[in-house]
PDB file of all heavy atoms in Angstrom:
ATOM      1  N   LEU A   1       5.478  -4.508 -12.946  1.00  0.00           N
ATOM      2  CA  LEU A   1       6.371  -4.353 -11.790  1.00  0.00           C
ATOM      3  C   LEU A   1       6.551  -2.879 -11.430  1.00  0.00           C
ATOM      4  O   LEU A   1       6.621  -2.516 -10.249  1.00  0.00           O
ATOM      5  CB  LEU A   1       7.722  -5.006 -12.082  1.00  0.00           C
ATOM      6  CG  LEU A   1       7.693  -6.525 -12.300  1.00  0.00           C
ATOM      7  CD1 LEU A   1       9.094  -7.043 -12.658  1.00  0.00           C
ATOM      8  CD2 LEU A   1       7.175  -7.247 -11.062  1.00  0.00           C
ATOM      9  N   ALA A   2       6.631  -2.030 -12.455  1.00  0.00           N
ATOM     10  CA  ALA A   2       6.783  -0.596 -12.199  1.00  0.00           C
ATOM     11  C   ALA A   2       5.548  -0.043 -11.496  1.00  0.00           C
ATOM     12  O   ALA A   2       5.640   0.821 -10.615  1.00  0.00           O
ATOM     13  CB  ALA A   2       7.009   0.140 -13.521  1.00  0.00           C
ATOM     14  N   GLN A   3       4.385  -0.553 -11.870  1.00  0.00           N
ATOM     15  CA  GLN A   3       3.133  -0.062 -11.285  1.00  0.00           C
ATOM     16  C   GLN A   3       3.056  -0.370  -9.787  1.00  0.00           C
ATOM     17  O   GLN A   3       2.476   0.387  -9.023  1.00  0.00           O
ATOM     18  CB  GLN A   3       1.944  -0.699 -12.015  1.00  0.00           C
ATOM     19  CG  GLN A   3       0.598  -0.137 -11.585  1.00  0.00           C
ATOM     20  CD  GLN A   3      -0.537  -0.690 -12.438  1.00  0.00           C
ATOM     21  OE1 GLN A   3      -0.340  -1.576 -13.262  1.00  0.00           O
ATOM     22  NE2 GLN A   3      -1.729  -0.143 -12.252  1.00  0.00           N
ATOM     23  N   GLY A   4       3.660  -1.478  -9.375  1.00  0.00           N
ATOM     24  CA  GLY A   4       3.612  -1.859  -7.965  1.00  0.00           C
ATOM     25  C   GLY A   4       4.800  -1.390  -7.158  1.00  0.00           C
ATOM     26  O   GLY A   4       4.999  -1.841  -6.028  1.00  0.00           O
ATOM     27  N   ALA A   5       5.601  -0.495  -7.692  1.00  0.00           N
ATOM     28  CA  ALA A   5       6.846  -0.080  -7.053  1.00  0.00           C
ATOM     29  C   ALA A   5       6.620   0.540  -5.672  1.00  0.00           C
ATOM     30  O   ALA A   5       5.655   1.267  -5.449  1.00  0.00           O
ATOM     31  CB  ALA A   5       7.579   0.920  -7.949  1.00  0.00           C
ATOM     32  N   ASN A   6       7.544   0.239  -4.782  1.00  0.00           N
ATOM     33  CA  ASN A   6       7.546   0.796  -3.425  1.00  0.00           C
ATOM     34  C   ASN A   6       8.969   1.273  -3.145  1.00  0.00           C
ATOM     35  O   ASN A   6       9.808   0.492  -2.678  1.00  0.00           O
ATOM     36  CB  ASN A   6       7.116  -0.269  -2.423  1.00  0.00           C
ATOM     37  CG  ASN A   6       7.033   0.248  -0.998  1.00  0.00           C
ATOM     38  OD1 ASN A   6       7.769   1.146  -0.598  1.00  0.00           O
ATOM     39  ND2 ASN A   6       6.148  -0.329  -0.208  1.00  0.00           N
ATOM     40  N   PRO A   7       9.291   2.531  -3.437  1.00  0.00           N
ATOM     41  CA  PRO A   7      10.665   3.027  -3.335  1.00  0.00           C
ATOM     42  C   PRO A   7      11.276   2.882  -1.945  1.00  0.00           C
ATOM     43  O   PRO A   7      12.488   2.614  -1.828  1.00  0.00           O
ATOM     44  CB  PRO A   7      10.537   4.503  -3.737  1.00  0.00           C
ATOM     45  CG  PRO A   7       9.308   4.556  -4.583  1.00  0.00           C
ATOM     46  CD  PRO A   7       8.376   3.547  -3.984  1.00  0.00           C
ATOM     47  N   VAL A   8      10.487   3.041  -0.911  1.00  0.00           N
ATOM     48  CA  VAL A   8      11.028   2.920   0.448  1.00  0.00           C
ATOM     49  C   VAL A   8      11.486   1.487   0.708  1.00  0.00           C
ATOM     50  O   VAL A   8      12.590   1.251   1.187  1.00  0.00           O
ATOM     51  CB  VAL A   8       9.980   3.340   1.495  1.00  0.00           C
ATOM     52  CG1 VAL A   8      10.507   3.091   2.899  1.00  0.00           C
ATOM     53  CG2 VAL A   8       9.619   4.815   1.317  1.00  0.00           C
ATOM     54  N   ARG A   9      10.628   0.541   0.398  1.00  0.00           N
ATOM     55  CA  ARG A   9      10.998  -0.859   0.585  1.00  0.00           C
ATOM     56  C   ARG A   9      12.154  -1.238  -0.344  1.00  0.00           C
ATOM     57  O   ARG A   9      13.025  -2.036   0.017  1.00  0.00           O
ATOM     58  CB  ARG A   9       9.802  -1.765   0.308  1.00  0.00           C
ATOM     59  CG  ARG A   9      10.088  -3.248   0.610  1.00  0.00           C
ATOM     60  CD  ARG A   9       9.016  -4.136   0.023  1.00  0.00           C
ATOM     61  NE  ARG A   9       7.757  -3.986   0.741  1.00  0.00           N
ATOM     62  CZ  ARG A   9       6.568  -4.215   0.201  1.00  0.00           C
ATOM     63  NH1 ARG A   9       6.473  -4.565  -1.071  1.00  0.00           N
ATOM     64  NH2 ARG A   9       5.469  -4.078   0.916  1.00  0.00           N
ATOM     65  N   ALA A  10      12.173  -0.681  -1.540  1.00  0.00           N
ATOM     66  CA  ALA A  10      13.213  -1.001  -2.518  1.00  0.00           C
ATOM     67  C   ALA A  10      14.600  -0.692  -1.985  1.00  0.00           C
ATOM     68  O   ALA A  10      15.543  -1.465  -2.185  1.00  0.00           O
ATOM     69  CB  ALA A  10      12.963  -0.239  -3.813  1.00  0.00           C
ATOM     70  N   ALA A  11      14.733   0.423  -1.319  1.00  0.00           N
ATOM     71  CA  ALA A  11      16.044   0.807  -0.780  1.00  0.00           C
ATOM     72  C   ALA A  11      16.519  -0.212   0.251  1.00  0.00           C
ATOM     73  O   ALA A  11      17.704  -0.591   0.271  1.00  0.00           O
ATOM     74  CB  ALA A  11      15.961   2.192  -0.164  1.00  0.00           C
ATOM     75  N   GLY A  12      15.618  -0.655   1.104  1.00  0.00           N
ATOM     76  CA  GLY A  12      15.979  -1.652   2.101  1.00  0.00           C
ATOM     77  C   GLY A  12      16.317  -2.991   1.477  1.00  0.00           C
ATOM     78  O   GLY A  12      17.251  -3.677   1.918  1.00  0.00           O
ATOM     79  N   GLN A  13      15.582  -3.380   0.447  1.00  0.00           N
ATOM     80  CA  GLN A  13      15.852  -4.641  -0.239  1.00  0.00           C
ATOM     81  C   GLN A  13      17.235  -4.624  -0.883  1.00  0.00           C
ATOM     82  O   GLN A  13      17.979  -5.608  -0.816  1.00  0.00           O
ATOM     83  CB  GLN A  13      14.786  -4.899  -1.307  1.00  0.00           C
ATOM     84  CG  GLN A  13      13.423  -5.259  -0.758  1.00  0.00           C
ATOM     85  CD  GLN A  13      12.389  -5.371  -1.865  1.00  0.00           C
ATOM     86  OE1 GLN A  13      12.390  -4.588  -2.808  1.00  0.00           O
ATOM     87  NE2 GLN A  13      11.504  -6.356  -1.744  1.00  0.00           N
ATOM     88  N   GLN A  14      17.574  -3.508  -1.486  1.00  0.00           N
ATOM     89  CA  GLN A  14      18.869  -3.416  -2.150  1.00  0.00           C
ATOM     90  C   GLN A  14      20.007  -3.505  -1.141  1.00  0.00           C
ATOM     91  O   GLN A  14      21.016  -4.167  -1.389  1.00  0.00           O
ATOM     92  CB  GLN A  14      18.965  -2.119  -2.959  1.00  0.00           C
ATOM     93  CG  GLN A  14      20.237  -2.043  -3.811  1.00  0.00           C
ATOM     94  CD  GLN A  14      20.234  -0.854  -4.748  1.00  0.00           C
ATOM     95  OE1 GLN A  14      19.304  -0.034  -4.741  1.00  0.00           O
ATOM     96  NE2 GLN A  14      21.274  -0.739  -5.548  1.00  0.00           N
ATOM     97  N   ARG A  15      19.835  -2.872  -0.003  1.00  0.00           N
ATOM     98  CA  ARG A  15      20.865  -2.958   1.048  1.00  0.00           C
ATOM     99  C   ARG A  15      20.983  -4.382   1.566  1.00  0.00           C
ATOM    100  O   ARG A  15      22.090  -4.905   1.733  1.00  0.00           O
ATOM    101  CB  ARG A  15      20.530  -2.009   2.203  1.00  0.00           C
ATOM    102  CG  ARG A  15      20.771  -0.544   1.919  1.00  0.00           C
ATOM    103  CD  ARG A  15      20.750   0.271   3.203  1.00  0.00           C
ATOM    104  NE  ARG A  15      19.483   0.127   3.912  1.00  0.00           N
ATOM    105  CZ  ARG A  15      18.422   0.919   3.698  1.00  0.00           C
ATOM    106  NH1 ARG A  15      18.476   1.889   2.804  1.00  0.00           N
ATOM    107  NH2 ARG A  15      17.297   0.747   4.379  1.00  0.00           N
ATOM    108  N   TYR A  16      19.856  -5.003   1.829  1.00  0.00           N
ATOM    109  CA  TYR A  16      19.867  -6.361   2.384  1.00  0.00           C
ATOM    110  C   TYR A  16      20.525  -7.349   1.432  1.00  0.00           C
ATOM    111  O   TYR A  16      21.325  -8.202   1.850  1.00  0.00           O
ATOM    112  CB  TYR A  16      18.436  -6.810   2.676  1.00  0.00           C
ATOM    113  CG  TYR A  16      18.337  -8.253   3.112  1.00  0.00           C
ATOM    114  CD1 TYR A  16      18.739  -8.644   4.389  1.00  0.00           C
ATOM    115  CD2 TYR A  16      17.859  -9.224   2.233  1.00  0.00           C
ATOM    116  CE1 TYR A  16      18.657  -9.973   4.783  1.00  0.00           C
ATOM    117  CE2 TYR A  16      17.772 -10.556   2.624  1.00  0.00           C
ATOM    118  CZ  TYR A  16      18.177 -10.921   3.891  1.00  0.00           C
ATOM    119  OH  TYR A  16      18.107 -12.243   4.268  1.00  0.00           O
ATOM    120  N   MET A  17      20.210  -7.227   0.145  1.00  0.00           N
ATOM    121  CA  MET A  17      20.741  -8.160  -0.842  1.00  0.00           C
ATOM    122  C   MET A  17      22.139  -7.783  -1.324  1.00  0.00           C
ATOM    123  O   MET A  17      22.757  -8.522  -2.073  1.00  0.00           O
ATOM    124  CB  MET A  17      19.805  -8.239  -2.051  1.00  0.00           C
ATOM    125  CG  MET A  17      18.482  -8.905  -1.772  1.00  0.00           C
ATOM    126  SD  MET A  17      18.628 -10.593  -1.143  1.00  0.00           S
ATOM    127  CE  MET A  17      19.562 -11.362  -2.452  1.00  0.00           C
ATOM    128  N   LYS A  18      22.639  -6.616  -0.882  1.00  0.00           N
ATOM    129  CA  LYS A  18      23.960  -6.138  -1.313  1.00  0.00           C
ATOM    130  C   LYS A  18      24.037  -6.154  -2.840  1.00  0.00           C
ATOM    131  O   LYS A  18      25.021  -6.611  -3.435  1.00  0.00           O
ATOM    132  CB  LYS A  18      25.066  -7.005  -0.706  1.00  0.00           C
ATOM    133  CG  LYS A  18      25.061  -7.022   0.814  1.00  0.00           C
ATOM    134  CD  LYS A  18      26.121  -7.935   1.372  1.00  0.00           C
ATOM    135  CE  LYS A  18      26.072  -7.965   2.898  1.00  0.00           C
ATOM    136  NZ  LYS A  18      27.066  -8.900   3.483  1.00  0.00           N
ATOM    137  N   SER A  19      22.996  -5.634  -3.447  1.00  0.00           N
ATOM    138  CA  SER A  19      22.845  -5.688  -4.898  1.00  0.00           C
ATOM    139  C   SER A  19      23.193  -4.361  -5.555  1.00  0.00           C
ATOM    140  O   SER A  19      22.745  -3.302  -5.115  1.00  0.00           O
ATOM    141  CB  SER A  19      21.391  -6.058  -5.236  1.00  0.00           C
ATOM    142  OG  SER A  19      21.138  -5.936  -6.613  1.00  0.00           O
ATOM    143  N   GLU A  20      23.988  -4.418  -6.615  1.00  0.00           N
ATOM    144  CA  GLU A  20      24.244  -3.222  -7.404  1.00  0.00           C
ATOM    145  C   GLU A  20      23.010  -2.863  -8.227  1.00  0.00           C
ATOM    146  O   GLU A  20      22.744  -1.697  -8.491  1.00  0.00           O
ATOM    147  CB  GLU A  20      25.443  -3.444  -8.334  1.00  0.00           C
ATOM    148  CG  GLU A  20      26.773  -3.606  -7.601  1.00  0.00           C
ATOM    149  CD  GLU A  20      27.934  -3.718  -8.557  1.00  0.00           C
ATOM    150  OE1 GLU A  20      27.720  -3.564  -9.770  1.00  0.00           O
ATOM    151  OE2 GLU A  20      29.061  -3.957  -8.078  1.00  0.00           O
ATOM    152  N   MET A  21      22.254  -3.869  -8.618  1.00  0.00           N
ATOM    153  CA  MET A  21      21.029  -3.641  -9.380  1.00  0.00           C
ATOM    154  C   MET A  21      19.927  -3.186  -8.432  1.00  0.00           C
ATOM    155  O   MET A  21      19.692  -3.816  -7.399  1.00  0.00           O
ATOM    156  CB  MET A  21      20.601  -4.930 -10.100  1.00  0.00           C
ATOM    157  CG  MET A  21      19.390  -4.761 -11.003  1.00  0.00           C
ATOM    158  SD  MET A  21      18.934  -6.317 -11.842  1.00  0.00           S
ATOM    159  CE  MET A  21      20.345  -6.509 -12.937  1.00  0.00           C
ATOM    160  N   PRO A  22      19.235  -2.110  -8.741  1.00  0.00           N
ATOM    161  CA  PRO A  22      18.171  -1.624  -7.857  1.00  0.00           C
ATOM    162  C   PRO A  22      16.949  -2.535  -7.853  1.00  0.00           C
ATOM    163  O   PRO A  22      16.778  -3.378  -8.736  1.00  0.00           O
ATOM    164  CB  PRO A  22      17.826  -0.257  -8.449  1.00  0.00           C
ATOM    165  CG  PRO A  22      18.200  -0.369  -9.891  1.00  0.00           C
ATOM    166  CD  PRO A  22      19.419  -1.241  -9.917  1.00  0.00           C
ATOM    167  N   PHE A  23      16.107  -2.342  -6.863  1.00  0.00           N
ATOM    168  CA  PHE A  23      14.851  -3.068  -6.723  1.00  0.00           C
ATOM    169  C   PHE A  23      13.678  -2.142  -7.021  1.00  0.00           C
ATOM    170  O   PHE A  23      13.805  -0.917  -6.936  1.00  0.00           O
ATOM    171  CB  PHE A  23      14.696  -3.599  -5.296  1.00  0.00           C
ATOM    172  CG  PHE A  23      15.446  -4.858  -5.006  1.00  0.00           C
ATOM    173  CD1 PHE A  23      16.817  -4.842  -4.797  1.00  0.00           C
ATOM    174  CD2 PHE A  23      14.781  -6.072  -4.915  1.00  0.00           C
ATOM    175  CE1 PHE A  23      17.514  -6.006  -4.509  1.00  0.00           C
ATOM    176  CE2 PHE A  23      15.466  -7.254  -4.624  1.00  0.00           C
ATOM    177  CZ  PHE A  23      16.837  -7.218  -4.421  1.00  0.00           C
ATOM    178  N   ARG A  24      12.534  -2.731  -7.306  1.00  0.00           N
ATOM    179  CA  ARG A  24      11.286  -1.984  -7.429  1.00  0.00           C
ATOM    180  C   ARG A  24      10.602  -1.868  -6.068  1.00  0.00           C
ATOM    181  O   ARG A  24       9.773  -0.991  -5.864  1.00  0.00           O
ATOM    182  CB  ARG A  24      10.340  -2.671  -8.420  1.00  0.00           C
ATOM    183  CG  ARG A  24      10.664  -2.449  -9.880  1.00  0.00           C
ATOM    184  CD  ARG A  24      10.439  -1.014 -10.285  1.00  0.00           C
ATOM    185  NE  ARG A  24      10.453  -0.862 -11.743  1.00  0.00           N
ATOM    186  CZ  ARG A  24      10.423   0.320 -12.344  1.00  0.00           C
ATOM    187  NH1 ARG A  24      10.387   1.440 -11.636  1.00  0.00           N
ATOM    188  NH2 ARG A  24      10.426   0.403 -13.657  1.00  0.00           N
ATOM    189  N   GLY A  25      10.914  -2.811  -5.178  1.00  0.00           N
ATOM    190  CA  GLY A  25      10.302  -2.779  -3.853  1.00  0.00           C
ATOM    191  C   GLY A  25       9.125  -3.715  -3.691  1.00  0.00           C
ATOM    192  O   GLY A  25       8.308  -3.540  -2.785  1.00  0.00           O
ATOM    193  N   LEU A  26       9.020  -4.729  -4.552  1.00  0.00           N
ATOM    194  CA  LEU A  26       7.937  -5.702  -4.455  1.00  0.00           C
ATOM    195  C   LEU A  26       8.397  -6.934  -3.680  1.00  0.00           C
ATOM    196  O   LEU A  26       9.563  -7.329  -3.775  1.00  0.00           O
ATOM    197  CB  LEU A  26       7.458  -6.147  -5.843  1.00  0.00           C
ATOM    198  CG  LEU A  26       6.555  -5.182  -6.621  1.00  0.00           C
ATOM    199  CD1 LEU A  26       7.351  -4.023  -7.192  1.00  0.00           C
ATOM    200  CD2 LEU A  26       5.843  -5.934  -7.748  1.00  0.00           C
ATOM    201  N   THR A  27       7.497  -7.540  -2.935  1.00  0.00           N
ATOM    202  CA  THR A  27       7.794  -8.808  -2.287  1.00  0.00           C
ATOM    203  C   THR A  27       7.705  -9.923  -3.335  1.00  0.00           C
ATOM    204  O   THR A  27       7.185  -9.715  -4.445  1.00  0.00           O
ATOM    205  CB  THR A  27       6.791  -9.117  -1.167  1.00  0.00           C
ATOM    206  OG1 THR A  27       5.490  -9.304  -1.755  1.00  0.00           O
ATOM    207  CG2 THR A  27       6.739  -7.978  -0.152  1.00  0.00           C
ATOM    208  N   SER A  28       8.189 -11.100  -2.973  1.00  0.00           N
ATOM    209  CA  SER A  28       8.114 -12.238  -3.891  1.00  0.00           C
ATOM    210  C   SER A  28       6.669 -12.535  -4.272  1.00  0.00           C
ATOM    211  O   SER A  28       6.350 -12.787  -5.443  1.00  0.00           O
ATOM    212  CB  SER A  28       8.746 -13.468  -3.238  1.00  0.00           C
ATOM    213  OG  SER A  28       8.609 -14.600  -4.050  1.00  0.00           O
ATOM    214  N   ARG A  29       5.784 -12.488  -3.286  1.00  0.00           N
ATOM    215  CA  ARG A  29       4.368 -12.753  -3.560  1.00  0.00           C
ATOM    216  C   ARG A  29       3.795 -11.698  -4.496  1.00  0.00           C
ATOM    217  O   ARG A  29       2.985 -12.019  -5.383  1.00  0.00           O
ATOM    218  CB  ARG A  29       3.587 -12.783  -2.251  1.00  0.00           C
ATOM    219  CG  ARG A  29       2.100 -13.061  -2.415  1.00  0.00           C
ATOM    220  CD  ARG A  29       1.403 -13.185  -1.067  1.00  0.00           C
ATOM    221  NE  ARG A  29       1.896 -14.345  -0.319  1.00  0.00           N
ATOM    222  CZ  ARG A  29       1.449 -14.708   0.875  1.00  0.00           C
ATOM    223  NH1 ARG A  29       0.512 -13.980   1.474  1.00  0.00           N
ATOM    224  NH2 ARG A  29       1.930 -15.771   1.473  1.00  0.00           N
ATOM    225  N   GLU A  30       4.186 -10.446  -4.307  1.00  0.00           N
ATOM    226  CA  GLU A  30       3.673  -9.378  -5.163  1.00  0.00           C
ATOM    227  C   GLU A  30       4.171  -9.512  -6.594  1.00  0.00           C
ATOM    228  O   GLU A  30       3.437  -9.222  -7.545  1.00  0.00           O
ATOM    229  CB  GLU A  30       4.075  -8.016  -4.580  1.00  0.00           C
ATOM    230  CG  GLU A  30       3.304  -7.657  -3.313  1.00  0.00           C
ATOM    231  CD  GLU A  30       3.855  -6.424  -2.612  1.00  0.00           C
ATOM    232  OE1 GLU A  30       5.022  -6.036  -2.896  1.00  0.00           O
ATOM    233  OE2 GLU A  30       3.132  -5.859  -1.766  1.00  0.00           O
ATOM    234  N   VAL A  31       5.411  -9.953  -6.754  1.00  0.00           N
ATOM    235  CA  VAL A  31       5.942 -10.183  -8.099  1.00  0.00           C
ATOM    236  C   VAL A  31       5.107 -11.239  -8.811  1.00  0.00           C
ATOM    237  O   VAL A  31       4.663 -11.047  -9.951  1.00  0.00           O
ATOM    238  CB  VAL A  31       7.420 -10.614  -8.049  1.00  0.00           C
ATOM    239  CG1 VAL A  31       7.884 -11.089  -9.431  1.00  0.00           C
ATOM    240  CG2 VAL A  31       8.313  -9.472  -7.571  1.00  0.00           C
ATOM    241  N   LYS A  32       4.888 -12.358  -8.140  1.00  0.00           N
ATOM    242  CA  LYS A  32       4.125 -13.453  -8.753  1.00  0.00           C
ATOM    243  C   LYS A  32       2.700 -13.022  -9.075  1.00  0.00           C
ATOM    244  O   LYS A  32       2.166 -13.369 -10.139  1.00  0.00           O
ATOM    245  CB  LYS A  32       4.126 -14.662  -7.827  1.00  0.00           C
ATOM    246  CG  LYS A  32       5.497 -15.307  -7.674  1.00  0.00           C
ATOM    247  CD  LYS A  32       5.470 -16.453  -6.667  1.00  0.00           C
ATOM    248  CE  LYS A  32       6.852 -17.059  -6.495  1.00  0.00           C
ATOM    249  NZ  LYS A  32       6.861 -18.149  -5.479  1.00  0.00           N
ATOM    250  N   SER A  33       2.086 -12.278  -8.170  1.00  0.00           N
ATOM    251  CA  SER A  33       0.713 -11.818  -8.385  1.00  0.00           C
ATOM    252  C   SER A  33       0.641 -10.850  -9.571  1.00  0.00           C
ATOM    253  O   SER A  33      -0.290 -10.907 -10.383  1.00  0.00           O
ATOM    254  CB  SER A  33       0.186 -11.143  -7.123  1.00  0.00           C
ATOM    255  OG  SER A  33      -1.114 -10.638  -7.317  1.00  0.00           O
ATOM    256  N   ALA A  34       1.631  -9.960  -9.666  1.00  0.00           N
ATOM    257  CA  ALA A  34       1.619  -8.942 -10.720  1.00  0.00           C
ATOM    258  C   ALA A  34       1.773  -9.544 -12.108  1.00  0.00           C
ATOM    259  O   ALA A  34       1.174  -9.059 -13.081  1.00  0.00           O
ATOM    260  CB  ALA A  34       2.729  -7.926 -10.467  1.00  0.00           C
ATOM    261  N   ILE A  35       2.568 -10.598 -12.215  1.00  0.00           N
ATOM    262  CA  ILE A  35       2.853 -11.150 -13.542  1.00  0.00           C
ATOM    263  C   ILE A  35       1.982 -12.354 -13.892  1.00  0.00           C
ATOM    264  O   ILE A  35       1.993 -12.807 -15.040  1.00  0.00           O
ATOM    265  CB  ILE A  35       4.339 -11.538 -13.672  1.00  0.00           C
ATOM    266  CG1 ILE A  35       4.672 -12.746 -12.791  1.00  0.00           C
ATOM    267  CG2 ILE A  35       5.230 -10.347 -13.350  1.00  0.00           C
ATOM    268  CD1 ILE A  35       6.098 -13.259 -12.992  1.00  0.00           C
ATOM    269  N   ARG A  36       1.199 -12.846 -12.945  1.00  0.00           N
ATOM    270  CA  ARG A  36       0.406 -14.062 -13.191  1.00  0.00           C
ATOM    271  C   ARG A  36      -0.517 -13.938 -14.408  1.00  0.00           C
ATOM    272  O   ARG A  36      -0.551 -14.845 -15.256  1.00  0.00           O
ATOM    273  CB  ARG A  36      -0.399 -14.422 -11.943  1.00  0.00           C
ATOM    274  CG  ARG A  36      -1.119 -15.771 -12.055  1.00  0.00           C
ATOM    275  CD  ARG A  36      -1.796 -16.144 -10.754  1.00  0.00           C
ATOM    276  NE  ARG A  36      -0.823 -16.351  -9.680  1.00  0.00           N
ATOM    277  CZ  ARG A  36      -0.773 -15.655  -8.553  1.00  0.00           C
ATOM    278  NH1 ARG A  36      -1.648 -14.665  -8.348  1.00  0.00           N
ATOM    279  NH2 ARG A  36       0.125 -15.918  -7.628  1.00  0.00           N
ATOM    280  N   PRO A  37      -1.280 -12.835 -14.550  1.00  0.00           N
ATOM    281  CA  PRO A  37      -2.158 -12.733 -15.726  1.00  0.00           C
ATOM    282  C   PRO A  37      -1.377 -12.744 -17.039  1.00  0.00           C
ATOM    283  O   PRO A  37      -1.855 -13.277 -18.043  1.00  0.00           O
ATOM    284  CB  PRO A  37      -2.875 -11.395 -15.515  1.00  0.00           C
ATOM    285  CG  PRO A  37      -2.768 -11.125 -14.043  1.00  0.00           C
ATOM    286  CD  PRO A  37      -1.444 -11.687 -13.637  1.00  0.00           C
ATOM    287  N   LEU A  38      -0.192 -12.171 -17.023  1.00  0.00           N
ATOM    288  CA  LEU A  38       0.633 -12.132 -18.229  1.00  0.00           C
ATOM    289  C   LEU A  38       1.146 -13.520 -18.582  1.00  0.00           C
ATOM    290  O   LEU A  38       1.153 -13.907 -19.760  1.00  0.00           O
ATOM    291  CB  LEU A  38       1.804 -11.164 -18.031  1.00  0.00           C
ATOM    292  CG  LEU A  38       1.409  -9.702 -17.834  1.00  0.00           C
ATOM    293  CD1 LEU A  38       2.579  -8.902 -17.275  1.00  0.00           C
ATOM    294  CD2 LEU A  38       0.928  -9.097 -19.149  1.00  0.00           C
TER     295      LEU A  38
END
């Protein structure tokens, strides 16, 4: 997840979700793709 980080998108995701926890900036599809081999 760290390897696929997108800081610009992450900031927008955190605002949209009103989340105290920060984001990496990955889309749902990117999360699934990144962890699928694992």
